[in-house]
Amino acid sequence: MSDDPHVFSKTLSMTSYWMPVHYDITAWAEHAPFASWLIDAMRPRTVLELGTHNGFSFFAMAEAARRLGLPTVLTAIDGWVGDDQAGYYGDEVFEKVKTISETYYPDTTRLIRAFFADAAPQIEDGSVDLLHIDGRHGYEDVREDFETYRSKLSERGVVIFHDTHEFQPGFGVHRLWSEVASIAPSFEFHHGHGLGVLALGPKAPVEVLDFIAEAHRDPDGVRETYRRLGVEVDARADLPMLRQTVADFRASTSWRITAPLRAVSEATKGLRGRRAAARPSRQNRAS
């Protein structure tokens, strides 16, 4: 156990309980507690994310770095057009991510809108402390991403792979994970579609190595702890999404068109209520 009072054990700290600031509907929500822990444990100089979409994981890590007062620089690479697995979308997703980046993390985040292979020359070899791979999930796709960006890792390099525990047709991250998990200290979470942690660098942070060793001594306990923490984040994520859905609907044409009908309905309910209040009860009539 660390002497730091906010560190509870080799696998858990106060940062594991931090809640994200920027929510969205995402399969990644349940891994936010570990992401905060990892940023705290690694204190990375640089983070590179392949596949950002709405930015939940990216901004969860950026917010953790901000709260910790770290000068971590985070780079996100994505085409921001979607694909046949995640679905296709328009420029509004990129514009939302760009707005959050420029508003809240202007000095620490960078967005590169490009295909992963095309953007690789912009990332210096040996410069990335933490690499998050979450692009297309086919086996050949994720293998290409890993092989293309492996040289970008620093000596402290750690890689996290999302969807390692997703087995539906077309998803092959689990297959790649089965191949790479044995080449370096590693641990896999099963909740939230799976998250694999691979301490690949020859000088990977001792805190991450200690986490992996401790997690292997009690894998069920560590997985259950972070699953429960992740469920809490996921549940809270639903609230702002619900509020936004209601706000969007109330701003919609259908809500405005039906306003007179709702007004009549409310008036009718009020009239029925007043009549009921004026009508004597059975007990009074009987007396």
C-alpha atoms as a PDB file:
ATOM      1  CA  MET A   1       0.000   0.000   0.000  1.00  0.00           C
ATOM      2  CA  SER A   2       1.262   3.478  -0.904  1.00  0.00           C
ATOM      3  CA  ASP A   3       1.954   6.175   1.698  1.00  0.00           C
ATOM      4  CA  ASP A   4      -0.153   8.493  -0.453  1.00  0.00           C
ATOM      5  CA  PRO A   5      -3.511   8.813   1.385  1.00  0.00           C
ATOM      6  CA  HIS A   6      -5.468   8.911  -1.874  1.00  0.00           C
ATOM      7  CA  VAL A   7      -4.004   5.549  -2.944  1.00  0.00           C
ATOM      8  CA  PHE A   8      -5.971   2.710  -1.348  1.00  0.00           C
ATOM      9  CA  SER A   9      -4.105  -0.247  -2.836  1.00  0.00           C
ATOM     10  CA  LYS A  10      -2.039  -1.193  -5.867  1.00  0.00           C
ATOM     11  CA  THR A  11      -5.234  -1.452  -7.909  1.00  0.00           C
ATOM     12  CA  LEU A  12      -7.423   1.323  -6.528  1.00  0.00           C
ATOM     13  CA  SER A  13      -7.135   5.005  -5.622  1.00  0.00           C
ATOM     14  CA  MET A  14      -9.320   8.037  -5.085  1.00  0.00           C
ATOM     15  CA  THR A  15      -9.072   8.790  -8.798  1.00  0.00           C
ATOM     16  CA  SER A  16     -10.920   5.537  -9.510  1.00  0.00           C
ATOM     17  CA  TYR A  17     -14.016   7.225  -8.049  1.00  0.00           C
ATOM     18  CA  TRP A  18     -13.842  10.386 -10.131  1.00  0.00           C
ATOM     19  CA  MET A  19     -16.788  11.066 -12.400  1.00  0.00           C
ATOM     20  CA  PRO A  20     -16.309  12.300 -15.977  1.00  0.00           C
ATOM     21  CA  VAL A  21     -17.354  15.820 -16.894  1.00  0.00           C
ATOM     22  CA  HIS A  22     -18.306  15.259 -20.539  1.00  0.00           C
ATOM     23  CA  TYR A  23     -20.877  12.511 -20.960  1.00  0.00           C
ATOM     24  CA  ASP A  24     -22.194  10.764 -24.026  1.00  0.00           C
ATOM     25  CA  ILE A  25     -23.883   7.480 -24.873  1.00  0.00           C
ATOM     26  CA  THR A  26     -20.958   5.120 -25.339  1.00  0.00           C
ATOM     27  CA  ALA A  27     -19.775   1.598 -24.707  1.00  0.00           C
ATOM     28  CA  TRP A  28     -16.687   3.112 -23.091  1.00  0.00           C
ATOM     29  CA  ALA A  29     -18.462   4.707 -20.115  1.00  0.00           C
ATOM     30  CA  GLU A  30     -17.810   1.747 -17.830  1.00  0.00           C
ATOM     31  CA  HIS A  31     -14.035   2.123 -18.209  1.00  0.00           C
ATOM     32  CA  ALA A  32     -13.836   5.754 -17.074  1.00  0.00           C
ATOM     33  CA  PRO A  33     -12.841   4.809 -13.481  1.00  0.00           C
ATOM     34  CA  PHE A  34      -9.863   2.796 -14.702  1.00  0.00           C
ATOM     35  CA  ALA A  35      -8.913   5.509 -17.202  1.00  0.00           C
ATOM     36  CA  SER A  36      -8.638   8.042 -14.375  1.00  0.00           C
ATOM     37  CA  TRP A  37      -6.637   5.575 -12.287  1.00  0.00           C
ATOM     38  CA  LEU A  38      -4.308   4.877 -15.222  1.00  0.00           C
ATOM     39  CA  ILE A  39      -3.604   8.553 -15.919  1.00  0.00           C
ATOM     40  CA  ASP A  40      -2.778   9.027 -12.248  1.00  0.00           C
ATOM     41  CA  ALA A  41      -0.585   5.908 -12.082  1.00  0.00           C
ATOM     42  CA  MET A  42       1.298   6.554 -15.328  1.00  0.00           C
ATOM     43  CA  ARG A  43       1.518  10.350 -15.296  1.00  0.00           C
ATOM     44  CA  PRO A  44       2.007  10.086 -19.084  1.00  0.00           C
ATOM     45  CA  ARG A  45       3.694  12.838 -21.026  1.00  0.00           C
ATOM     46  CA  THR A  46       1.666  11.886 -24.088  1.00  0.00           C
ATOM     47  CA  VAL A  47      -1.520   9.966 -24.841  1.00  0.00           C
ATOM     48  CA  LEU A  48      -2.549   8.885 -28.339  1.00  0.00           C
ATOM     49  CA  GLU A  49      -6.043   7.637 -29.112  1.00  0.00           C
ATOM     50  CA  LEU A  50      -6.939   5.835 -32.339  1.00  0.00           C
ATOM     51  CA  GLY A  51     -10.700   6.076 -32.736  1.00  0.00           C
ATOM     52  CA  THR A  52     -12.387   8.834 -30.762  1.00  0.00           C
ATOM     53  CA  HIS A  53     -15.931   9.204 -32.137  1.00  0.00           C
ATOM     54  CA  ASN A  54     -17.832  11.334 -29.582  1.00  0.00           C
ATOM     55  CA  GLY A  55     -14.751  11.784 -27.410  1.00  0.00           C
ATOM     56  CA  PHE A  56     -15.884  10.167 -24.164  1.00  0.00           C
ATOM     57  CA  SER A  57     -12.705   8.195 -23.450  1.00  0.00           C
ATOM     58  CA  PHE A  58     -10.495  10.992 -24.789  1.00  0.00           C
ATOM     59  CA  PHE A  59     -12.034  13.633 -22.557  1.00  0.00           C
ATOM     60  CA  ALA A  60     -12.228  11.305 -19.557  1.00  0.00           C
ATOM     61  CA  MET A  61      -8.431  11.021 -19.727  1.00  0.00           C
ATOM     62  CA  ALA A  62      -7.977  14.723 -20.489  1.00  0.00           C
ATOM     63  CA  GLU A  63     -10.098  15.650 -17.479  1.00  0.00           C
ATOM     64  CA  ALA A  64      -8.167  13.299 -15.201  1.00  0.00           C
ATOM     65  CA  ALA A  65      -4.903  14.894 -16.340  1.00  0.00           C
ATOM     66  CA  ARG A  66      -6.346  18.370 -15.763  1.00  0.00           C
ATOM     67  CA  ARG A  67      -7.525  17.536 -12.238  1.00  0.00           C
ATOM     68  CA  LEU A  68      -4.132  16.057 -11.427  1.00  0.00           C
ATOM     69  CA  GLY A  69      -2.375  19.159 -12.741  1.00  0.00           C
ATOM     70  CA  LEU A  70      -0.422  17.173 -15.336  1.00  0.00           C
ATOM     71  CA  PRO A  71       0.992  18.717 -18.530  1.00  0.00           C
ATOM     72  CA  THR A  72      -0.076  15.590 -20.469  1.00  0.00           C
ATOM     73  CA  VAL A  73      -0.647  16.186 -24.185  1.00  0.00           C
ATOM     74  CA  LEU A  74      -3.431  14.068 -25.661  1.00  0.00           C
ATOM     75  CA  THR A  75      -3.843  13.467 -29.394  1.00  0.00           C
ATOM     76  CA  ALA A  76      -6.921  11.948 -31.008  1.00  0.00           C
ATOM     77  CA  ILE A  77      -6.894  10.508 -34.515  1.00  0.00           C
ATOM     78  CA  ASP A  78     -10.195   9.777 -36.238  1.00  0.00           C
ATOM     79  CA  GLY A  79     -11.816  10.342 -39.600  1.00  0.00           C
ATOM     80  CA  TRP A  80     -15.038  11.355 -37.831  1.00  0.00           C
ATOM     81  CA  VAL A  81     -17.210   9.864 -40.527  1.00  0.00           C
ATOM     82  CA  GLY A  82     -18.041   6.544 -38.835  1.00  0.00           C
ATOM     83  CA  ASP A  83     -18.009   3.076 -40.346  1.00  0.00           C
ATOM     84  CA  ASP A  84     -20.213   0.040 -40.879  1.00  0.00           C
ATOM     85  CA  GLN A  85     -19.673  -1.112 -37.277  1.00  0.00           C
ATOM     86  CA  ALA A  86     -20.163   2.153 -35.372  1.00  0.00           C
ATOM     87  CA  GLY A  87     -22.544   3.649 -37.941  1.00  0.00           C
ATOM     88  CA  TYR A  88     -21.988   6.629 -40.197  1.00  0.00           C
ATOM     89  CA  TYR A  89     -22.570  10.241 -39.164  1.00  0.00           C
ATOM     90  CA  GLY A  90     -22.070  13.812 -40.317  1.00  0.00           C
ATOM     91  CA  ASP A  91     -19.754  16.646 -39.345  1.00  0.00           C
ATOM     92  CA  GLU A  92     -21.792  17.456 -36.244  1.00  0.00           C
ATOM     93  CA  VAL A  93     -19.923  14.818 -34.210  1.00  0.00           C
ATOM     94  CA  PHE A  94     -16.504  16.219 -35.078  1.00  0.00           C
ATOM     95  CA  GLU A  95     -17.703  19.777 -34.454  1.00  0.00           C
ATOM     96  CA  LYS A  96     -18.938  18.803 -30.978  1.00  0.00           C
ATOM     97  CA  VAL A  97     -15.637  17.127 -30.110  1.00  0.00           C
ATOM     98  CA  LYS A  98     -13.713  20.094 -31.498  1.00  0.00           C
ATOM     99  CA  THR A  99     -15.757  22.529 -29.412  1.00  0.00           C
ATOM    100  CA  ILE A 100     -15.094  20.605 -26.189  1.00  0.00           C
ATOM    101  CA  SER A 101     -11.411  20.320 -27.027  1.00  0.00           C
ATOM    102  CA  GLU A 102     -11.010  24.039 -27.746  1.00  0.00           C
ATOM    103  CA  THR A 103     -13.173  25.161 -24.839  1.00  0.00           C
ATOM    104  CA  TYR A 104     -11.962  22.980 -21.994  1.00  0.00           C
ATOM    105  CA  TYR A 105      -8.534  21.624 -23.005  1.00  0.00           C
ATOM    106  CA  PRO A 106      -7.086  24.068 -25.565  1.00  0.00           C
ATOM    107  CA  ASP A 107      -3.484  23.616 -24.457  1.00  0.00           C
ATOM    108  CA  THR A 108      -3.424  19.860 -23.893  1.00  0.00           C
ATOM    109  CA  THR A 109      -5.515  18.233 -26.637  1.00  0.00           C
ATOM    110  CA  ARG A 110      -4.970  17.899 -30.355  1.00  0.00           C
ATOM    111  CA  LEU A 111      -7.343  16.463 -32.974  1.00  0.00           C
ATOM    112  CA  ILE A 112      -6.102  14.931 -36.217  1.00  0.00           C
ATOM    113  CA  ARG A 113      -8.906  14.227 -38.673  1.00  0.00           C
ATOM    114  CA  ALA A 114      -7.490  11.501 -40.883  1.00  0.00           C
ATOM    115  CA  PHE A 115      -7.302   7.764 -41.423  1.00  0.00           C
ATOM    116  CA  PHE A 116      -4.927   6.093 -38.983  1.00  0.00           C
ATOM    117  CA  ALA A 117      -2.423   4.991 -41.637  1.00  0.00           C
ATOM    118  CA  ASP A 118      -2.327   8.457 -43.199  1.00  0.00           C
ATOM    119  CA  ALA A 119      -1.765  10.167 -39.852  1.00  0.00           C
ATOM    120  CA  ALA A 120       1.064   7.892 -38.689  1.00  0.00           C
ATOM    121  CA  PRO A 121       3.875  10.111 -40.115  1.00  0.00           C
ATOM    122  CA  GLN A 122       2.646  12.953 -37.897  1.00  0.00           C
ATOM    123  CA  ILE A 123       3.424  10.956 -34.739  1.00  0.00           C
ATOM    124  CA  GLU A 124       7.071  10.702 -33.788  1.00  0.00           C
ATOM    125  CA  ASP A 125       8.521   7.259 -33.112  1.00  0.00           C
ATOM    126  CA  GLY A 126       9.149   6.595 -29.429  1.00  0.00           C
ATOM    127  CA  SER A 127       6.986   9.526 -28.321  1.00  0.00           C
ATOM    128  CA  VAL A 128       3.784   7.939 -26.978  1.00  0.00           C
ATOM    129  CA  ASP A 129       3.487   6.840 -23.348  1.00  0.00           C
ATOM    130  CA  LEU A 130      -0.131   5.647 -23.508  1.00  0.00           C
ATOM    131  CA  LEU A 131      -1.754   4.318 -26.684  1.00  0.00           C
ATOM    132  CA  HIS A 132      -5.492   3.628 -26.807  1.00  0.00           C
ATOM    133  CA  ILE A 133      -6.661   1.561 -29.796  1.00  0.00           C
ATOM    134  CA  ASP A 134     -10.408   1.712 -30.467  1.00  0.00           C
ATOM    135  CA  GLY A 135     -10.897   1.963 -34.222  1.00  0.00           C
ATOM    136  CA  ARG A 136     -12.490  -0.635 -36.473  1.00  0.00           C
ATOM    137  CA  HIS A 137     -12.764  -3.893 -34.603  1.00  0.00           C
ATOM    138  CA  GLY A 138     -12.071  -6.493 -37.256  1.00  0.00           C
ATOM    139  CA  TYR A 139      -9.011  -8.635 -36.602  1.00  0.00           C
ATOM    140  CA  GLU A 140      -7.050  -7.377 -39.598  1.00  0.00           C
ATOM    141  CA  ASP A 141      -7.993  -3.786 -38.803  1.00  0.00           C
ATOM    142  CA  VAL A 142      -6.881  -3.799 -35.189  1.00  0.00           C
ATOM    143  CA  ARG A 143      -3.752  -5.781 -35.997  1.00  0.00           C
ATOM    144  CA  GLU A 144      -2.783  -3.180 -38.605  1.00  0.00           C
ATOM    145  CA  ASP A 145      -3.412  -0.365 -36.109  1.00  0.00           C
ATOM    146  CA  PHE A 146      -1.257  -2.058 -33.490  1.00  0.00           C
ATOM    147  CA  GLU A 147       1.581  -2.838 -35.891  1.00  0.00           C
ATOM    148  CA  THR A 148       1.509   0.641 -37.438  1.00  0.00           C
ATOM    149  CA  TYR A 149       1.663   2.488 -34.125  1.00  0.00           C
ATOM    150  CA  ARG A 150       3.718   0.107 -32.033  1.00  0.00           C
ATOM    151  CA  SER A 151       6.899   1.957 -33.018  1.00  0.00           C
ATOM    152  CA  LYS A 152       5.370   5.187 -31.709  1.00  0.00           C
ATOM    153  CA  LEU A 153       5.503   3.886 -28.132  1.00  0.00           C
ATOM    154  CA  SER A 154       8.095   5.224 -25.718  1.00  0.00           C
ATOM    155  CA  GLU A 155      10.097   3.006 -23.373  1.00  0.00           C
ATOM    156  CA  ARG A 156       7.340   3.617 -20.821  1.00  0.00           C
ATOM    157  CA  GLY A 157       4.689   2.587 -23.336  1.00  0.00           C
ATOM    158  CA  VAL A 158       1.375   1.047 -22.300  1.00  0.00           C
ATOM    159  CA  VAL A 159      -1.351   0.024 -24.767  1.00  0.00           C
ATOM    160  CA  ILE A 160      -5.039  -0.338 -23.983  1.00  0.00           C
ATOM    161  CA  PHE A 161      -7.371  -2.124 -26.398  1.00  0.00           C
ATOM    162  CA  HIS A 162     -11.144  -1.695 -26.231  1.00  0.00           C
ATOM    163  CA  ASP A 163     -13.590  -4.514 -27.134  1.00  0.00           C
ATOM    164  CA  THR A 164     -11.296  -7.384 -26.156  1.00  0.00           C
ATOM    165  CA  HIS A 165     -14.295  -9.246 -24.712  1.00  0.00           C
ATOM    166  CA  GLU A 166     -16.673  -8.744 -27.629  1.00  0.00           C
ATOM    167  CA  PHE A 167     -17.285 -11.885 -29.669  1.00  0.00           C
ATOM    168  CA  GLN A 168     -20.040 -10.998 -32.130  1.00  0.00           C
ATOM    169  CA  PRO A 169     -19.380 -11.547 -35.855  1.00  0.00           C
ATOM    170  CA  GLY A 170     -16.998  -9.013 -37.360  1.00  0.00           C
ATOM    171  CA  PHE A 171     -15.199  -8.295 -34.075  1.00  0.00           C
ATOM    172  CA  GLY A 172     -11.673  -9.649 -33.841  1.00  0.00           C
ATOM    173  CA  VAL A 173     -10.014  -7.622 -31.082  1.00  0.00           C
ATOM    174  CA  HIS A 174     -10.331 -10.656 -28.791  1.00  0.00           C
ATOM    175  CA  ARG A 175      -8.301 -12.657 -31.277  1.00  0.00           C
ATOM    176  CA  LEU A 176      -5.491 -10.101 -31.411  1.00  0.00           C
ATOM    177  CA  TRP A 177      -5.583  -9.803 -27.627  1.00  0.00           C
ATOM    178  CA  SER A 178      -5.073 -13.549 -27.283  1.00  0.00           C
ATOM    179  CA  GLU A 179      -1.926 -13.159 -29.384  1.00  0.00           C
ATOM    180  CA  VAL A 180      -0.381 -10.122 -27.702  1.00  0.00           C
ATOM    181  CA  ALA A 181      -1.389 -10.592 -24.064  1.00  0.00           C
ATOM    182  CA  SER A 182       1.475 -13.015 -23.509  1.00  0.00           C
ATOM    183  CA  ILE A 183       4.250 -10.855 -24.978  1.00  0.00           C
ATOM    184  CA  ALA A 184       4.306  -8.437 -22.019  1.00  0.00           C
ATOM    185  CA  PRO A 185       2.631  -8.000 -18.608  1.00  0.00           C
ATOM    186  CA  SER A 186      -1.098  -7.690 -19.263  1.00  0.00           C
ATOM    187  CA  PHE A 187      -4.553  -7.760 -17.727  1.00  0.00           C
ATOM    188  CA  GLU A 188      -8.036  -7.799 -19.223  1.00  0.00           C
ATOM    189  CA  PHE A 189     -11.284  -6.384 -17.895  1.00  0.00           C
ATOM    190  CA  HIS A 190     -14.386  -8.208 -19.132  1.00  0.00           C
ATOM    191  CA  HIS A 191     -17.075  -5.603 -18.484  1.00  0.00           C
ATOM    192  CA  GLY A 192     -17.914  -2.801 -20.940  1.00  0.00           C
ATOM    193  CA  HIS A 193     -17.116  -5.081 -23.912  1.00  0.00           C
ATOM    194  CA  GLY A 194     -13.635  -5.660 -22.520  1.00  0.00           C
ATOM    195  CA  LEU A 195     -10.501  -3.586 -22.036  1.00  0.00           C
ATOM    196  CA  GLY A 196      -7.028  -5.072 -22.404  1.00  0.00           C
ATOM    197  CA  VAL A 197      -4.045  -3.450 -20.684  1.00  0.00           C
ATOM    198  CA  LEU A 198      -0.612  -4.268 -22.118  1.00  0.00           C
ATOM    199  CA  ALA A 199       2.542  -2.892 -20.452  1.00  0.00           C
ATOM    200  CA  LEU A 200       4.679  -3.203 -23.546  1.00  0.00           C
ATOM    201  CA  GLY A 201       7.490  -0.748 -22.872  1.00  0.00           C
ATOM    202  CA  PRO A 202      10.739  -2.061 -21.323  1.00  0.00           C
ATOM    203  CA  LYS A 203      10.463   0.719 -18.739  1.00  0.00           C
ATOM    204  CA  ALA A 204       6.699   0.600 -18.196  1.00  0.00           C
ATOM    205  CA  PRO A 205       5.692   2.440 -14.993  1.00  0.00           C
ATOM    206  CA  VAL A 206       6.131   0.314 -11.883  1.00  0.00           C
ATOM    207  CA  GLU A 207       2.641   1.352 -10.753  1.00  0.00           C
ATOM    208  CA  VAL A 208       1.134  -0.292 -13.836  1.00  0.00           C
ATOM    209  CA  LEU A 209       3.269  -3.407 -13.408  1.00  0.00           C
ATOM    210  CA  ASP A 210       2.242  -3.614  -9.750  1.00  0.00           C
ATOM    211  CA  PHE A 211      -1.403  -3.231 -10.759  1.00  0.00           C
ATOM    212  CA  ILE A 212      -1.146  -6.095 -13.243  1.00  0.00           C
ATOM    213  CA  ALA A 213       0.632  -8.362 -10.755  1.00  0.00           C
ATOM    214  CA  GLU A 214      -1.895  -7.616  -8.003  1.00  0.00           C
ATOM    215  CA  ALA A 215      -4.835  -7.998 -10.387  1.00  0.00           C
ATOM    216  CA  HIS A 216      -3.653 -11.464 -11.347  1.00  0.00           C
ATOM    217  CA  ARG A 217      -3.639 -12.436  -7.663  1.00  0.00           C
ATOM    218  CA  ASP A 218      -7.314 -11.496  -7.391  1.00  0.00           C
ATOM    219  CA  PRO A 219      -8.692 -11.126 -10.930  1.00  0.00           C
ATOM    220  CA  ASP A 220     -12.342 -11.596  -9.997  1.00  0.00           C
ATOM    221  CA  GLY A 221     -12.147  -9.038  -7.203  1.00  0.00           C
ATOM    222  CA  VAL A 222     -10.421  -6.384  -9.300  1.00  0.00           C
ATOM    223  CA  ARG A 223     -12.756  -6.930 -12.228  1.00  0.00           C
ATOM    224  CA  GLU A 224     -15.823  -6.737 -10.005  1.00  0.00           C
ATOM    225  CA  THR A 225     -14.608  -3.552  -8.305  1.00  0.00           C
ATOM    226  CA  TYR A 226     -14.119  -1.745 -11.598  1.00  0.00           C
ATOM    227  CA  ARG A 227     -17.303  -3.197 -13.048  1.00  0.00           C
ATOM    228  CA  ARG A 228     -19.302  -1.726 -10.162  1.00  0.00           C
ATOM    229  CA  LEU A 229     -17.561   1.630 -10.487  1.00  0.00           C
ATOM    230  CA  GLY A 230     -18.209   1.577 -14.234  1.00  0.00           C
ATOM    231  CA  VAL A 231     -21.897   0.793 -13.798  1.00  0.00           C
ATOM    232  CA  GLU A 232     -22.205   3.903 -11.623  1.00  0.00           C
ATOM    233  CA  VAL A 233     -20.642   6.062 -14.344  1.00  0.00           C
ATOM    234  CA  ASP A 234     -22.870   4.485 -16.977  1.00  0.00           C
ATOM    235  CA  ALA A 235     -25.979   5.126 -14.875  1.00  0.00           C
ATOM    236  CA  ARG A 236     -25.066   8.778 -14.377  1.00  0.00           C
ATOM    237  CA  ALA A 237     -24.356   9.112 -18.081  1.00  0.00           C
ATOM    238  CA  ASP A 238     -28.000   8.292 -18.805  1.00  0.00           C
ATOM    239  CA  LEU A 239     -29.273  11.346 -16.891  1.00  0.00           C
ATOM    240  CA  PRO A 240     -27.809  14.153 -19.032  1.00  0.00           C
ATOM    241  CA  MET A 241     -28.632  12.150 -22.136  1.00  0.00           C
ATOM    242  CA  LEU A 242     -32.270  11.877 -21.004  1.00  0.00           C
ATOM    243  CA  ARG A 243     -32.418  15.585 -20.204  1.00  0.00           C
ATOM    244  CA  GLN A 244     -30.985  16.418 -23.636  1.00  0.00           C
ATOM    245  CA  THR A 245     -33.487  14.107 -25.346  1.00  0.00           C
ATOM    246  CA  VAL A 246     -36.360  15.816 -23.556  1.00  0.00           C
ATOM    247  CA  ALA A 247     -34.947  19.255 -24.390  1.00  0.00           C
ATOM    248  CA  ASP A 248     -34.541  18.306 -28.053  1.00  0.00           C
ATOM    249  CA  PHE A 249     -38.104  16.988 -28.213  1.00  0.00           C
ATOM    250  CA  ARG A 250     -39.541  20.090 -26.583  1.00  0.00           C
ATOM    251  CA  ALA A 251     -37.723  22.193 -29.165  1.00  0.00           C
ATOM    252  CA  SER A 252     -39.060  20.066 -31.991  1.00  0.00           C
ATOM    253  CA  THR A 253     -41.835  20.963 -34.438  1.00  0.00           C
ATOM    254  CA  SER A 254     -44.103  18.179 -33.168  1.00  0.00           C
ATOM    255  CA  TRP A 255     -43.935  19.520 -29.610  1.00  0.00           C
ATOM    256  CA  ARG A 256     -44.895  23.031 -30.812  1.00  0.00           C
ATOM    257  CA  ILE A 257     -47.698  21.747 -33.038  1.00  0.00           C
ATOM    258  CA  THR A 258     -49.259  19.731 -30.221  1.00  0.00           C
ATOM    259  CA  ALA A 259     -49.032  22.595 -27.692  1.00  0.00           C
ATOM    260  CA  PRO A 260     -52.734  23.613 -28.103  1.00  0.00           C
ATOM    261  CA  LEU A 261     -53.849  20.006 -27.635  1.00  0.00           C
ATOM    262  CA  ARG A 262     -51.801  19.685 -24.437  1.00  0.00           C
ATOM    263  CA  ALA A 263     -53.259  22.965 -23.169  1.00  0.00           C
ATOM    264  CA  VAL A 264     -56.820  21.688 -23.714  1.00  0.00           C
ATOM    265  CA  SER A 265     -55.927  18.399 -22.004  1.00  0.00           C
ATOM    266  CA  GLU A 266     -54.500  20.196 -18.970  1.00  0.00           C
ATOM    267  CA  ALA A 267     -57.537  22.460 -18.765  1.00  0.00           C
ATOM    268  CA  THR A 268     -59.869  19.448 -18.915  1.00  0.00           C
ATOM    269  CA  LYS A 269     -57.933  17.727 -16.145  1.00  0.00           C
ATOM    270  CA  GLY A 270     -58.186  20.884 -14.023  1.00  0.00           C
ATOM    271  CA  LEU A 271     -61.957  21.116 -14.565  1.00  0.00           C
ATOM    272  CA  ARG A 272     -62.438  17.453 -13.632  1.00  0.00           C
ATOM    273  CA  GLY A 273     -60.339  18.015 -10.529  1.00  0.00           C
ATOM    274  CA  ARG A 274     -62.437  20.992  -9.407  1.00  0.00           C
ATOM    275  CA  ARG A 275     -65.685  19.092  -9.978  1.00  0.00           C
ATOM    276  CA  ALA A 276     -64.401  16.150  -7.977  1.00  0.00           C
ATOM    277  CA  ALA A 277     -63.402  18.432  -5.129  1.00  0.00           C
ATOM    278  CA  ALA A 278     -66.843  20.067  -5.075  1.00  0.00           C
ATOM    279  CA  ARG A 279     -68.719  16.711  -5.114  1.00  0.00           C
ATOM    280  CA  PRO A 280     -69.543  15.443  -1.578  1.00  0.00           C
ATOM    281  CA  SER A 281     -67.902  12.204  -0.565  1.00  0.00           C
ATOM    282  CA  ARG A 282     -69.901   9.001   0.003  1.00  0.00           C
ATOM    283  CA  GLN A 283     -69.370   9.339   3.699  1.00  0.00           C
ATOM    284  CA  ASN A 284     -70.796  12.869   3.748  1.00  0.00           C
ATOM    285  CA  ARG A 285     -73.776  11.861   1.605  1.00  0.00           C
ATOM    286  CA  ALA A 286     -74.528   8.943   3.902  1.00  0.00           C
ATOM    287  CA  SER A 287     -74.473  11.139   6.996  1.00  0.00           C
END
